[in-house]
Amino acid sequence: MPRQACYVTKMQKQILKLLFLSVFFLMPLFVSADVNTIIPDPANVTACGTLNQAGATYVLQNDVSSEGSCFAIVASGITLDLNGHTVTYDNGTPINIMNGSFEDELAGSWDTVNAQNFLRSAGTYVSPVSVYAGSYALKAITPTPDQVVTSLGTVTLAPNTRYSLSGMVYNRVSDNILMSIEFTDTMKAIQTGITDRGFQYITYEFVTGDSEETYNIALKVTGAAAVGTGAVYFDDIKIQRNRLAGVMVGPVEWRVAWQSRGFDIKNYGGANNTTVKDGSIIQGSGKSDWSHALASESNSVSGHTFSGLNITTNGANSSAILMDSLQNGEIKYNTLAANMPAIKSRDQLDGAVLRADGYNSFIHDNVITNGVQGGILAGTAVGQLPQEIYNNNITLQGRYTNGFAISGNKSIIRNNTINCGSGNNSCRGIFIGSESEVFDNIVEVQDIPRNQEYNGCQGYGTYGIQMESAENSDVYGNVVTANSPNECPATAFRANPQDGSIASINNLIHHNTFIAYASGSARATSLKLSGCDNSMISIYSNTFRTNRRWIYAEFDGMVDGLRLVNNRWETFGSIDEPFYPFENFVWDGSFVKDMVFENNVYGAGDKERFESEFFRKTTVWPEIETLSNFSVIFSDVTAPASPTGLGVM
């Protein structure tokens, strides 16, 4: 009997051992490897590396991770099947700068002995602008002699690695002031002069040598001895890896350092007709700047398909998808989020979630869940077949100016849903230029006062659809709602077809519903006009609905001889008393002249509102323009034809 008991025990050990081994080899592995390792077996991808077998299908077998970039595709016709797994790139240990956000007291982290005008200061993101991240920033009171604050802790950086030293700085005092974040006199990020768009992201990019490097950080203010009374600010000081990529399509060697994508990639080659599908690409704990999840270079622009991907980025200026160009390609059925803590340039639209200018490509059925500026940017090259953007669902939490959910010059934009009109969501809707067709979209927008450039609401608020510098564009069948629940203005449709000297002609706006509703203190406008006449834009057979203002003629150019035909005018909700249907902002020759309404249709009680107090003028410089005039004509008219032949008549 004892021998039998011993035998059973051995059997149990063997069984447990076999079970352990089977579970060990069957369980998913999280494998880390270098992006420059050539992957030999396409059918058995278990780590990050370089894909170089033209026409092959590479199948990922497990989740993979890299401290830098993960995959480089350097030959054409390659398919990367993520097979339901997750690629985590930029997943190195974050570099800690002691109290780099100044949320804790300065003692023990920053030496201010030689900087008596520096202090830790509580503040707000807007109203007034005085911090960028958290509740505190480092403040230097002006005027002040040249001063420097030095970190008491050091940072140690790995050899042969690309980094950026960055921070947010704010100066509304003087153009003579220079602010810098420095390792040494030659290794520094600099801001010279006023930051006129809120806290400015500044960065110094560099590559370490063959051995570890250790630095203190110095924050300097110079040139402020003879300036006015005020203050400048530092916040969110960081060191991170720089210019990495989750999946890099067609890396090139010739780019200068500041343009590089996937800087740590050392294998190069063109890669057209690439497919990446069915898995997740996540930017990891490194949160490096300029580190896009999926990117391509200019030698690899044709025939790509990206589908079934769940992509999230977390670094400054890091897009989910960034194509140098997308030609004859398709981006579909993806879920995208770009959780950027900061961007460098709102003019360059560094905050876009997806960028894919090009031609004859299809961007559809994607869901964008988060972005701080733009959603989809996909304009069309001159003389080429249009980009088509359709069936996308976009939600943004905008903080920067000109954050449109969709921007698409010379593009077809249809059947998209934009959800920026409630809660914490905010954006502008659709921006169109020339030769675009925009139809059957559902757009809901609002602005939230969190724009540092304007210290609250972005300039002029939000727009559901904006047409600017446009010719031969057709806008129809859209339902657009612009909400103003606060002090930020909202406009359902803005038309400034001739912006500056750019010629404009033959744009049609018809069979849309434009709704503007204000529950806060600001104006909500169904239709905003400037710089247009009847040859530039035809507005007919639309419904305009509001509780504050139907039409606002603004100061960016005369509205001359415009005819609005067969439109329906409605009020709803809590209506202003008195209700002013029109507002004419007169400024230096910009006013409304000979504006004609033909065959109006009205909601209940709205005919009286339309005609009783015809317009209200604001701004009296140089003087109220006596030539401003409106008229109503009751006659049968024939609406003009669609320039594309596709408009709903």
Foldseek 3Di string as FASTA:
>chain_A
DVVVVVVVVVVVVVVVVVVVVVCVVPDADAEEDDQDDEDDDQDEDDEFYEDEDAQEEREYDHHYEYLFAGYEYAYANYEDEPPAYEYEYNADDFWDQVCQFVPDACPPFKDCPQQPQKGKDFDDLFPPHDHQDDGIWIKGWPPDAKGKMKTPDKTKDAAFAKKKWKWWKADPWFQQKKKWKDQDPVFIWIDGGGDLFGTAITIGMDHHHPGMDMGMIMIIIHRGNPIDTDMMTIGDTGMFGEQGEHYEAFADDPDDPVPHHRVVHDDGHHYEQYEYAAYEFEHHDRQYANYEHYEYDPSYAENYEYEHYEYEHRHELYAPYYYPAHYLYEYEHYEWEYNYSYYRDVVVVSFENYEHEEADYEYEHYEYDETAAEYYEYEYDPPGHAYEYEHYEYWYQYQEPRHEPYEYELHEYEHYEYPQADDNTAYAYYEYAENYEYAHYEFHHFFFQSGNSVSTAPPQTHENYEYELYEQYEYAHYEFEYEAAEAGEYEHYEYQNYQPPRDAFHYEAAHYEFEFEYNYDYYTEHYEYANDACGHYAAEHYEAEYQAEHYEYEDRHAYEHHEYEHYEYEYDDNHDVVHFHYEFEDDDHHTYANYEYENYHYDVPVVCSCPVHPYHYDDQVVHPDPRHDYYYYYDDDDGDARSVNPHDD
